[in-house]
């Protein structure tokens, strides 16, 4: 019992007299936190039969709301961004896609055109960089709408021999934002 009390005293005294450094809460100022955020922007799929049924050659047009920068915190701290487009065409038609980034006044800030050959064609992948070494970040900061339009450059009667012919366009974005 005496040994236990001595042992307990030594442990308690050791804990109380241990050298403990004061916590440094100013370390936050030394941290440079820049997380990467991935987001899906557009996914459109159109079967060839729908393309054939469209009156005229413009078979698709749609505006998408784009508001990741409607908060000042995010807008001011955007470091850079990459928008990735993928277009997969298994139809028998050559197609043209246009993606426009628009501001609040419907003014075009940036445009990407995709001229896609008929099948068999590889999946087209294009990455656009915004920020250092790329296009100006103000394009993204001021974008509120993404407009996608698609035009059939071929006829309205042919059908691909592949099963379930369609065109798919998808895009995603990778943003880096400084937290402080």
N, C-alpha and C. Protein backbone atom coordinates (compact mmCIF):
# COMPACT_ATOMS: atom_id res chain seq x y z
N UNK A 1 0.82 -1.19 0.00
CA UNK A 1 0.00 0.00 0.00
C UNK A 1 0.87 1.26 0.00
N UNK A 2 1.96 1.21 0.82
CA UNK A 2 2.86 2.33 0.89
C UNK A 2 3.53 2.58 -0.47
N UNK A 3 3.85 1.51 -1.17
CA UNK A 3 4.47 1.62 -2.48
C UNK A 3 3.51 2.27 -3.47
N UNK A 4 2.26 1.92 -3.36
CA UNK A 4 1.24 2.48 -4.25
C UNK A 4 1.12 3.99 -4.04
N UNK A 5 1.11 4.43 -2.80
CA UNK A 5 0.99 5.86 -2.50
C UNK A 5 2.22 6.61 -3.01
N UNK A 6 3.39 6.03 -2.82
CA UNK A 6 4.61 6.68 -3.31
C UNK A 6 4.57 6.75 -4.84
N UNK A 7 4.18 5.67 -5.47
CA UNK A 7 4.08 5.63 -6.93
C UNK A 7 3.09 6.67 -7.43
N UNK A 8 1.92 6.75 -6.78
CA UNK A 8 0.90 7.72 -7.16
C UNK A 8 1.42 9.15 -7.00
N UNK A 9 2.14 9.42 -5.88
CA UNK A 9 2.70 10.74 -5.63
C UNK A 9 3.71 11.12 -6.73
N UNK A 10 4.57 10.18 -7.10
CA UNK A 10 5.58 10.45 -8.13
C UNK A 10 4.91 10.75 -9.47
N UNK A 11 3.88 9.98 -9.82
CA UNK A 11 3.19 10.19 -11.09
C UNK A 11 2.49 11.54 -11.11
N UNK A 12 1.76 11.86 -10.03
CA UNK A 12 1.03 13.13 -9.98
C UNK A 12 2.02 14.30 -9.98
N UNK A 13 3.08 14.22 -9.19
CA UNK A 13 4.07 15.28 -9.14
C UNK A 13 4.76 15.44 -10.50
N UNK A 14 5.05 14.31 -11.15
CA UNK A 14 5.68 14.35 -12.47
C UNK A 14 4.79 15.04 -13.50
N UNK A 15 3.51 14.75 -13.43
CA UNK A 15 2.57 15.38 -14.38
C UNK A 15 2.46 16.87 -14.13
N UNK A 16 2.44 17.27 -12.87
CA UNK A 16 2.28 18.68 -12.55
C UNK A 16 3.53 19.49 -12.86
N UNK A 17 4.68 18.87 -12.77
CA UNK A 17 5.91 19.62 -12.98
C UNK A 17 6.50 19.42 -14.38
N UNK A 18 5.80 18.72 -15.23
CA UNK A 18 6.31 18.48 -16.59
C UNK A 18 6.38 19.78 -17.37
N UNK A 19 7.34 19.85 -18.25
CA UNK A 19 7.47 21.03 -19.11
C UNK A 19 6.43 20.95 -20.22
N UNK A 20 5.55 21.88 -20.22
CA UNK A 20 4.52 21.93 -21.25
C UNK A 20 4.63 23.28 -21.94
N UNK A 21 4.77 23.24 -23.25
CA UNK A 21 4.86 24.47 -24.02
C UNK A 21 3.46 25.05 -24.20
N UNK A 22 3.39 26.36 -24.09
CA UNK A 22 2.10 27.00 -24.31
C UNK A 22 1.66 26.77 -25.74
N UNK A 23 0.37 26.52 -25.95
CA UNK A 23 -0.10 26.33 -27.34
C UNK A 23 0.06 27.63 -28.14
N UNK A 24 0.48 27.49 -29.37
CA UNK A 24 0.69 28.63 -30.25
C UNK A 24 -0.49 28.71 -31.23
N UNK A 25 -1.43 29.57 -30.91
CA UNK A 25 -2.61 29.70 -31.76
C UNK A 25 -2.36 30.59 -32.97
N UNK A 26 -1.18 31.17 -33.06
CA UNK A 26 -0.82 31.97 -34.22
C UNK A 26 -0.34 31.11 -35.38
N UNK A 27 -0.29 29.80 -35.18
CA UNK A 27 0.13 28.90 -36.25
C UNK A 27 -0.80 29.00 -37.45
N UNK A 28 -2.04 29.37 -37.22
CA UNK A 28 -3.00 29.49 -38.32
C UNK A 28 -2.49 30.47 -39.37
N UNK A 29 -1.78 31.52 -38.91
CA UNK A 29 -1.25 32.51 -39.85
C UNK A 29 -0.19 31.91 -40.76
N UNK A 30 0.46 30.85 -40.31
CA UNK A 30 1.52 30.22 -41.10
C UNK A 30 1.00 29.17 -42.06
N UNK A 31 -0.25 28.79 -41.92
CA UNK A 31 -0.82 27.74 -42.76
C UNK A 31 -1.34 28.35 -44.06
N UNK A 32 -1.04 27.70 -45.16
CA UNK A 32 -1.54 28.15 -46.46
C UNK A 32 -2.44 27.04 -47.00
N UNK A 33 -3.71 27.07 -46.64
CA UNK A 33 -4.65 26.01 -47.01
C UNK A 33 -5.34 26.37 -48.33
N UNK A 34 -5.12 25.51 -49.34
CA UNK A 34 -5.73 25.71 -50.66
C UNK A 34 -6.35 24.39 -51.10
N UNK A 35 -7.59 24.14 -50.67
CA UNK A 35 -8.22 22.87 -51.09
C UNK A 35 -8.64 22.91 -52.56
N UNK A 36 -8.76 21.72 -53.12
CA UNK A 36 -9.24 21.56 -54.49
C UNK A 36 -10.67 21.06 -54.44
N UNK A 37 -11.54 21.71 -55.19
CA UNK A 37 -12.96 21.35 -55.22
C UNK A 37 -13.31 20.91 -56.63
N UNK A 38 -13.88 19.71 -56.75
CA UNK A 38 -14.32 19.19 -58.04
C UNK A 38 -15.83 19.33 -58.15
N UNK A 39 -16.30 19.72 -59.32
CA UNK A 39 -17.74 19.89 -59.53
C UNK A 39 -18.10 19.48 -60.95
N UNK A 40 -19.26 18.87 -61.07
CA UNK A 40 -19.79 18.53 -62.39
C UNK A 40 -20.52 19.75 -62.92
N UNK A 41 -20.33 20.07 -64.19
CA UNK A 41 -20.99 21.24 -64.77
C UNK A 41 -22.12 20.86 -65.71
N UNK A 42 -21.81 20.08 -66.74
CA UNK A 42 -22.80 19.76 -67.78
C UNK A 42 -22.75 18.26 -68.05
N UNK A 43 -23.94 17.69 -68.24
CA UNK A 43 -24.03 16.33 -68.78
C UNK A 43 -25.25 16.32 -69.69
N UNK A 44 -25.02 16.12 -70.98
CA UNK A 44 -26.11 16.07 -71.95
C UNK A 44 -25.89 14.84 -72.82
N UNK A 45 -26.97 14.09 -73.02
CA UNK A 45 -26.93 12.88 -73.84
C UNK A 45 -28.08 12.98 -74.84
N UNK A 46 -27.79 12.78 -76.12
CA UNK A 46 -28.82 12.88 -77.15
C UNK A 46 -28.71 11.70 -78.11
N UNK A 47 -29.75 10.85 -78.15
CA UNK A 47 -29.74 9.72 -79.09
C UNK A 47 -29.83 10.23 -80.54
N UNK A 48 -29.32 9.43 -81.46
CA UNK A 48 -29.30 9.84 -82.86
C UNK A 48 -30.72 10.04 -83.40
N UNK A 49 -31.68 9.27 -82.95
CA UNK A 49 -33.06 9.43 -83.44
C UNK A 49 -33.60 10.82 -83.09
N UNK A 50 -33.22 11.38 -81.95
CA UNK A 50 -33.65 12.74 -81.57
C UNK A 50 -32.97 13.76 -82.48
N UNK A 51 -31.70 13.54 -82.78
CA UNK A 51 -30.98 14.45 -83.69
C UNK A 51 -31.66 14.43 -85.06
N UNK A 52 -32.08 13.26 -85.53
CA UNK A 52 -32.76 13.15 -86.83
C UNK A 52 -34.12 13.82 -86.83
N UNK A 53 -34.81 13.86 -85.68
CA UNK A 53 -36.15 14.44 -85.61
C UNK A 53 -36.14 15.96 -85.49
N UNK A 54 -35.01 16.53 -85.15
CA UNK A 54 -34.94 17.98 -84.94
C UNK A 54 -35.18 18.72 -86.25
N UNK A 55 -36.04 19.74 -86.16
CA UNK A 55 -36.29 20.59 -87.33
C UNK A 55 -35.09 21.50 -87.50
N UNK A 56 -34.54 21.57 -88.66
CA UNK A 56 -33.32 22.34 -88.87
C UNK A 56 -32.13 21.56 -88.36
N UNK A 57 -31.01 22.21 -88.31
CA UNK A 57 -29.81 21.48 -87.93
C UNK A 57 -29.37 21.75 -86.50
N UNK A 58 -29.94 22.79 -85.85
CA UNK A 58 -29.62 23.04 -84.45
C UNK A 58 -30.53 22.16 -83.61
N UNK A 59 -29.97 21.07 -83.08
CA UNK A 59 -30.82 20.10 -82.38
C UNK A 59 -30.82 20.26 -80.87
N UNK A 60 -29.99 21.16 -80.34
CA UNK A 60 -29.97 21.33 -78.89
C UNK A 60 -29.46 22.72 -78.54
N UNK A 61 -30.14 23.36 -77.58
CA UNK A 61 -29.68 24.63 -77.03
C UNK A 61 -30.23 24.74 -75.62
N UNK A 62 -29.37 25.02 -74.66
CA UNK A 62 -29.79 25.07 -73.26
C UNK A 62 -28.88 26.01 -72.48
N UNK A 63 -29.47 26.76 -71.56
CA UNK A 63 -28.70 27.59 -70.64
C UNK A 63 -28.68 26.91 -69.28
N UNK A 64 -27.51 26.87 -68.66
CA UNK A 64 -27.33 26.27 -67.34
C UNK A 64 -26.89 27.37 -66.37
N UNK A 65 -27.48 27.38 -65.20
CA UNK A 65 -27.08 28.34 -64.17
C UNK A 65 -25.71 27.93 -63.63
N UNK A 66 -24.83 28.90 -63.52
CA UNK A 66 -23.47 28.66 -63.04
C UNK A 66 -23.19 29.70 -61.96
N UNK A 67 -23.33 29.31 -60.70
CA UNK A 67 -23.19 30.30 -59.64
C UNK A 67 -22.25 29.92 -58.50
N UNK A 68 -21.15 29.23 -58.78
CA UNK A 68 -20.26 28.92 -57.65
C UNK A 68 -19.57 30.15 -57.08
N UNK A 69 -19.55 31.25 -57.82
CA UNK A 69 -18.84 32.43 -57.37
C UNK A 69 -19.77 33.56 -56.95
N UNK A 70 -21.00 33.22 -56.58
CA UNK A 70 -21.92 34.26 -56.15
C UNK A 70 -21.62 34.72 -54.72
N UNK A 71 -20.73 34.02 -54.02
CA UNK A 71 -20.29 34.44 -52.69
C UNK A 71 -18.95 35.18 -52.83
N UNK A 72 -18.85 36.35 -52.20
CA UNK A 72 -17.61 37.13 -52.28
C UNK A 72 -16.42 36.35 -51.76
N UNK A 73 -16.64 35.57 -50.68
CA UNK A 73 -15.55 34.79 -50.09
C UNK A 73 -14.89 33.90 -51.14
N UNK A 74 -15.69 33.20 -51.91
CA UNK A 74 -15.17 32.28 -52.92
C UNK A 74 -14.58 33.07 -54.09
N UNK A 75 -15.28 34.09 -54.51
CA UNK A 75 -14.84 34.87 -55.67
C UNK A 75 -13.47 35.52 -55.43
N UNK A 76 -13.27 36.05 -54.24
CA UNK A 76 -12.02 36.74 -53.93
C UNK A 76 -10.85 35.79 -53.72
N UNK A 77 -11.13 34.55 -53.35
CA UNK A 77 -10.06 33.62 -52.99
C UNK A 77 -9.78 32.55 -54.05
N UNK A 78 -10.40 32.67 -55.20
CA UNK A 78 -10.16 31.71 -56.28
C UNK A 78 -8.71 31.83 -56.75
N UNK A 79 -7.99 30.71 -56.73
CA UNK A 79 -6.58 30.69 -57.13
C UNK A 79 -6.44 30.34 -58.60
N UNK A 80 -7.08 29.24 -59.00
CA UNK A 80 -7.07 28.82 -60.40
C UNK A 80 -8.17 27.78 -60.61
N UNK A 81 -8.37 27.43 -61.86
CA UNK A 81 -9.43 26.46 -62.19
C UNK A 81 -9.09 25.79 -63.51
N UNK A 82 -9.62 24.58 -63.65
CA UNK A 82 -9.52 23.84 -64.91
C UNK A 82 -10.91 23.33 -65.24
N UNK A 83 -11.39 23.65 -66.44
CA UNK A 83 -12.66 23.08 -66.91
C UNK A 83 -12.31 22.01 -67.93
N UNK A 84 -12.86 20.83 -67.71
CA UNK A 84 -12.59 19.68 -68.58
C UNK A 84 -13.87 19.34 -69.34
N UNK A 85 -13.74 19.23 -70.66
CA UNK A 85 -14.85 18.83 -71.53
C UNK A 85 -14.55 17.47 -72.13
N UNK A 86 -15.58 16.63 -72.23
CA UNK A 86 -15.47 15.33 -72.91
C UNK A 86 -16.66 15.20 -73.85
N UNK A 87 -16.39 14.85 -75.11
CA UNK A 87 -17.46 14.65 -76.08
C UNK A 87 -17.26 13.27 -76.71
N UNK A 88 -18.31 12.46 -76.64
CA UNK A 88 -18.29 11.10 -77.18
C UNK A 88 -19.41 10.99 -78.21
N UNK A 89 -19.05 10.81 -79.48
CA UNK A 89 -20.03 10.75 -80.56
C UNK A 89 -20.02 9.36 -81.20
N UNK A 90 -21.12 8.63 -81.05
CA UNK A 90 -21.25 7.32 -81.72
C UNK A 90 -22.32 7.38 -82.80
N UNK A 91 -22.71 8.60 -83.21
CA UNK A 91 -23.71 8.76 -84.27
C UNK A 91 -23.00 8.77 -85.63
N UNK A 92 -23.81 8.75 -86.69
CA UNK A 92 -23.27 8.79 -88.05
C UNK A 92 -23.10 10.23 -88.55
N UNK A 93 -23.23 11.20 -87.65
CA UNK A 93 -23.25 12.60 -88.05
C UNK A 93 -22.05 13.38 -87.51
N UNK A 94 -21.50 14.25 -88.35
CA UNK A 94 -20.55 15.21 -87.80
C UNK A 94 -21.34 16.27 -87.03
N UNK A 95 -20.85 16.66 -85.88
CA UNK A 95 -21.58 17.58 -85.01
C UNK A 95 -20.68 18.74 -84.60
N UNK A 96 -21.33 19.85 -84.28
CA UNK A 96 -20.62 21.02 -83.79
C UNK A 96 -21.25 21.44 -82.47
N UNK A 97 -20.44 21.57 -81.42
CA UNK A 97 -20.92 22.04 -80.12
C UNK A 97 -20.26 23.37 -79.81
N UNK A 98 -21.02 24.26 -79.20
CA UNK A 98 -20.49 25.53 -78.74
C UNK A 98 -20.88 25.70 -77.28
N UNK A 99 -19.89 26.00 -76.45
CA UNK A 99 -20.12 26.29 -75.03
C UNK A 99 -19.73 27.75 -74.82
N UNK A 100 -20.69 28.53 -74.31
CA UNK A 100 -20.43 29.95 -74.05
C UNK A 100 -20.59 30.22 -72.56
N UNK A 101 -19.67 30.99 -72.00
CA UNK A 101 -19.77 31.45 -70.63
C UNK A 101 -20.29 32.88 -70.68
N UNK A 102 -21.41 33.14 -70.00
CA UNK A 102 -22.09 34.43 -70.08
C UNK A 102 -22.11 35.14 -68.73
N UNK A 103 -22.06 36.47 -68.77
CA UNK A 103 -22.19 37.24 -67.53
C UNK A 103 -23.66 37.57 -67.28
N UNK A 104 -23.93 38.37 -66.25
CA UNK A 104 -25.31 38.70 -65.87
C UNK A 104 -26.05 39.46 -66.96
N UNK A 105 -25.35 40.17 -67.83
CA UNK A 105 -25.98 40.90 -68.93
C UNK A 105 -26.08 40.10 -70.21
N UNK A 106 -25.87 38.79 -70.14
CA UNK A 106 -25.91 37.89 -71.29
C UNK A 106 -24.78 38.16 -72.29
N UNK A 107 -23.71 38.79 -71.85
CA UNK A 107 -22.55 39.03 -72.70
C UNK A 107 -21.64 37.80 -72.67
N UNK A 108 -21.12 37.42 -73.82
CA UNK A 108 -20.25 36.25 -73.91
C UNK A 108 -18.86 36.62 -73.39
N UNK A 109 -18.41 35.87 -72.37
CA UNK A 109 -17.09 36.09 -71.78
C UNK A 109 -16.04 35.14 -72.36
N UNK A 110 -16.47 33.95 -72.73
CA UNK A 110 -15.55 32.94 -73.26
C UNK A 110 -16.34 31.95 -74.09
N UNK A 111 -15.70 31.37 -75.09
CA UNK A 111 -16.36 30.41 -75.98
C UNK A 111 -15.42 29.25 -76.26
N UNK A 112 -15.99 28.05 -76.28
CA UNK A 112 -15.27 26.85 -76.71
C UNK A 112 -16.08 26.19 -77.81
N UNK A 113 -15.45 25.89 -78.94
CA UNK A 113 -16.12 25.20 -80.04
C UNK A 113 -15.53 23.80 -80.19
N UNK A 114 -16.41 22.85 -80.48
CA UNK A 114 -16.01 21.46 -80.67
C UNK A 114 -16.59 20.98 -81.99
N UNK A 115 -15.74 20.66 -82.94
CA UNK A 115 -16.18 20.10 -84.21
C UNK A 115 -15.89 18.61 -84.14
N UNK A 116 -16.95 17.79 -84.04
CA UNK A 116 -16.82 16.36 -83.77
C UNK A 116 -17.13 15.56 -85.03
N UNK A 117 -16.21 14.72 -85.48
CA UNK A 117 -16.48 13.88 -86.66
C UNK A 117 -17.47 12.76 -86.32
N UNK A 118 -18.08 12.14 -87.34
CA UNK A 118 -18.99 11.02 -87.08
C UNK A 118 -18.20 9.80 -86.59
N UNK A 119 -18.96 8.81 -86.10
CA UNK A 119 -18.29 7.59 -85.63
C UNK A 119 -17.60 6.92 -86.80
N UNK A 120 -16.56 6.21 -86.67
CA UNK A 120 -15.87 6.00 -85.39
C UNK A 120 -14.92 7.16 -85.09
N UNK A 121 -15.12 7.78 -83.98
CA UNK A 121 -14.24 8.88 -83.57
C UNK A 121 -13.87 8.68 -82.10
N UNK A 122 -12.67 9.03 -81.74
CA UNK A 122 -12.28 8.89 -80.34
C UNK A 122 -13.00 9.92 -79.48
N UNK A 123 -13.05 9.66 -78.19
CA UNK A 123 -13.63 10.63 -77.26
C UNK A 123 -12.72 11.85 -77.25
N UNK A 124 -13.32 13.01 -77.49
CA UNK A 124 -12.57 14.25 -77.47
C UNK A 124 -12.49 14.74 -76.03
N UNK A 125 -11.29 15.04 -75.57
CA UNK A 125 -11.09 15.58 -74.22
C UNK A 125 -10.31 16.87 -74.36
N UNK A 126 -10.83 17.93 -73.73
CA UNK A 126 -10.16 19.23 -73.77
C UNK A 126 -10.21 19.84 -72.38
N UNK A 127 -9.06 20.33 -71.92
CA UNK A 127 -8.99 21.01 -70.63
C UNK A 127 -8.59 22.46 -70.85
N UNK A 128 -9.34 23.36 -70.21
CA UNK A 128 -9.08 24.79 -70.32
C UNK A 128 -8.66 25.28 -68.93
N UNK A 129 -7.51 25.93 -68.86
CA UNK A 129 -6.99 26.44 -67.59
C UNK A 129 -7.33 27.91 -67.45
N UNK A 130 -7.77 28.28 -66.25
CA UNK A 130 -8.04 29.68 -65.91
C UNK A 130 -7.15 30.04 -64.73
N UNK A 131 -6.52 31.19 -64.81
CA UNK A 131 -5.60 31.60 -63.75
C UNK A 131 -4.19 31.68 -64.31
N UNK A 132 -3.18 31.62 -63.44
CA UNK A 132 -1.79 31.73 -63.90
C UNK A 132 -1.47 30.75 -65.02
N UNK A 133 -0.98 31.27 -66.13
CA UNK A 133 -0.64 30.44 -67.27
C UNK A 133 -1.81 30.07 -68.16
N UNK A 134 -2.99 30.59 -67.87
CA UNK A 134 -4.18 30.27 -68.66
C UNK A 134 -5.00 31.52 -68.95
N UNK A 135 -6.27 31.31 -69.13
CA UNK A 135 -7.18 32.43 -69.39
C UNK A 135 -7.44 33.19 -68.08
N UNK A 136 -7.89 34.45 -68.18
CA UNK A 136 -8.10 35.25 -66.97
C UNK A 136 -9.17 34.66 -66.05
N UNK A 137 -8.90 34.71 -64.74
CA UNK A 137 -9.86 34.22 -63.75
C UNK A 137 -11.14 35.04 -63.74
N UNK A 138 -11.07 36.29 -64.16
CA UNK A 138 -12.27 37.13 -64.17
C UNK A 138 -13.36 36.55 -65.06
N UNK A 139 -12.99 35.76 -66.04
CA UNK A 139 -14.00 35.10 -66.87
C UNK A 139 -14.90 34.25 -65.99
N UNK A 140 -14.30 33.42 -65.14
CA UNK A 140 -15.10 32.55 -64.26
C UNK A 140 -15.79 33.34 -63.16
N UNK A 141 -15.09 34.32 -62.61
CA UNK A 141 -15.67 35.11 -61.52
C UNK A 141 -16.95 35.82 -61.97
N UNK A 142 -17.03 36.18 -63.24
CA UNK A 142 -18.19 36.93 -63.74
C UNK A 142 -19.21 36.06 -64.47
N UNK A 143 -18.94 34.77 -64.61
CA UNK A 143 -19.87 33.89 -65.31
C UNK A 143 -21.05 33.53 -64.41
N UNK A 144 -22.27 33.68 -64.96
CA UNK A 144 -23.48 33.28 -64.23
C UNK A 144 -24.28 32.24 -65.01
N UNK A 145 -23.99 32.10 -66.31
CA UNK A 145 -24.72 31.15 -67.16
C UNK A 145 -23.75 30.47 -68.11
N UNK A 146 -23.98 29.18 -68.32
CA UNK A 146 -23.26 28.42 -69.34
C UNK A 146 -24.27 28.03 -70.40
N UNK A 147 -24.02 28.42 -71.64
CA UNK A 147 -24.93 28.10 -72.75
C UNK A 147 -24.28 27.04 -73.63
N UNK A 148 -25.04 25.97 -73.85
CA UNK A 148 -24.57 24.88 -74.72
C UNK A 148 -25.51 24.81 -75.91
N UNK A 149 -24.94 24.82 -77.11
CA UNK A 149 -25.74 24.62 -78.31
C UNK A 149 -25.04 23.58 -79.18
N UNK A 150 -25.86 22.81 -79.90
CA UNK A 150 -25.33 21.72 -80.73
C UNK A 150 -25.98 21.78 -82.10
N UNK A 151 -25.16 21.56 -83.12
CA UNK A 151 -25.62 21.62 -84.51
C UNK A 151 -25.23 20.34 -85.23
N UNK A 152 -26.19 19.80 -85.99
CA UNK A 152 -25.95 18.63 -86.83
C UNK A 152 -25.37 19.14 -88.15
N UNK A 153 -24.15 18.74 -88.46
CA UNK A 153 -23.51 19.15 -89.72
C UNK A 153 -23.75 18.14 -90.84
N UNK A 154 -24.50 17.07 -90.52
CA UNK A 154 -24.78 16.03 -91.52
C UNK A 154 -26.23 16.07 -91.95
N UNK A 155 -26.77 14.89 -92.28
CA UNK A 155 -28.16 14.80 -92.73
C UNK A 155 -29.09 14.44 -91.57
N UNK A 156 -30.39 14.33 -91.88
CA UNK A 156 -31.39 13.97 -90.87
C UNK A 156 -31.97 12.59 -91.12
N UNK A 157 -31.28 11.75 -91.86
CA UNK A 157 -31.85 10.44 -92.18
C UNK A 157 -30.93 9.28 -91.82
N UNK A 158 -29.63 9.46 -91.86
CA UNK A 158 -28.72 8.33 -91.63
C UNK A 158 -28.75 7.90 -90.17
N UNK A 159 -28.42 6.64 -89.96
CA UNK A 159 -28.36 6.08 -88.62
C UNK A 159 -27.08 5.24 -88.52
N UNK A 160 -26.39 5.38 -87.43
CA UNK A 160 -25.15 4.63 -87.22
C UNK A 160 -25.44 3.14 -87.11
N UNK A 161 -24.49 2.33 -87.50
CA UNK A 161 -24.64 0.88 -87.39
C UNK A 161 -24.31 0.39 -85.97
N UNK A 162 -23.80 1.28 -85.13
CA UNK A 162 -23.49 0.90 -83.75
C UNK A 162 -24.77 0.79 -82.93
N UNK A 163 -24.80 -0.07 -81.93
CA UNK A 163 -25.99 -0.15 -81.07
C UNK A 163 -26.12 1.12 -80.23
N UNK A 164 -27.33 1.61 -80.11
CA UNK A 164 -27.64 2.79 -79.28
C UNK A 164 -26.75 3.99 -79.61
N UNK A 165 -26.76 4.46 -80.87
CA UNK A 165 -25.92 5.60 -81.23
C UNK A 165 -26.41 6.88 -80.55
N UNK A 166 -25.48 7.63 -80.00
CA UNK A 166 -25.82 8.88 -79.32
C UNK A 166 -24.58 9.74 -79.19
N UNK A 167 -24.79 10.96 -78.79
CA UNK A 167 -23.68 11.86 -78.48
C UNK A 167 -23.81 12.23 -77.01
N UNK A 168 -22.69 12.26 -76.33
CA UNK A 168 -22.65 12.64 -74.91
C UNK A 168 -21.62 13.75 -74.77
N UNK A 169 -22.04 14.84 -74.14
CA UNK A 169 -21.08 15.89 -73.78
C UNK A 169 -21.18 16.08 -72.27
N UNK A 170 -20.03 16.08 -71.65
CA UNK A 170 -19.98 16.27 -70.21
C UNK A 170 -18.83 17.22 -69.89
N UNK A 171 -18.98 17.93 -68.81
CA UNK A 171 -17.89 18.79 -68.38
C UNK A 171 -17.84 18.82 -66.86
N UNK A 172 -16.66 19.06 -66.37
CA UNK A 172 -16.45 19.17 -64.93
C UNK A 172 -15.43 20.28 -64.70
N UNK A 173 -15.38 20.73 -63.47
CA UNK A 173 -14.44 21.80 -63.13
C UNK A 173 -13.69 21.43 -61.87
N UNK A 174 -12.46 21.87 -61.83
CA UNK A 174 -11.62 21.70 -60.64
C UNK A 174 -11.17 23.10 -60.24
N UNK A 175 -11.61 23.52 -59.05
CA UNK A 175 -11.28 24.85 -58.54
C UNK A 175 -10.34 24.73 -57.35
N UNK A 176 -9.40 25.65 -57.26
CA UNK A 176 -8.56 25.75 -56.06
C UNK A 176 -8.85 27.10 -55.43
N UNK A 177 -9.19 27.05 -54.12
CA UNK A 177 -9.61 28.26 -53.39
C UNK A 177 -8.75 28.40 -52.14
N UNK A 178 -8.16 29.57 -51.96
CA UNK A 178 -7.36 29.86 -50.76
C UNK A 178 -8.32 30.15 -49.61
N UNK A 179 -8.15 29.44 -48.49
CA UNK A 179 -9.09 29.58 -47.38
C UNK A 179 -8.86 30.83 -46.54
N UNK A 180 -7.67 31.39 -46.57
CA UNK A 180 -7.45 32.59 -45.75
C UNK A 180 -6.74 33.66 -46.52
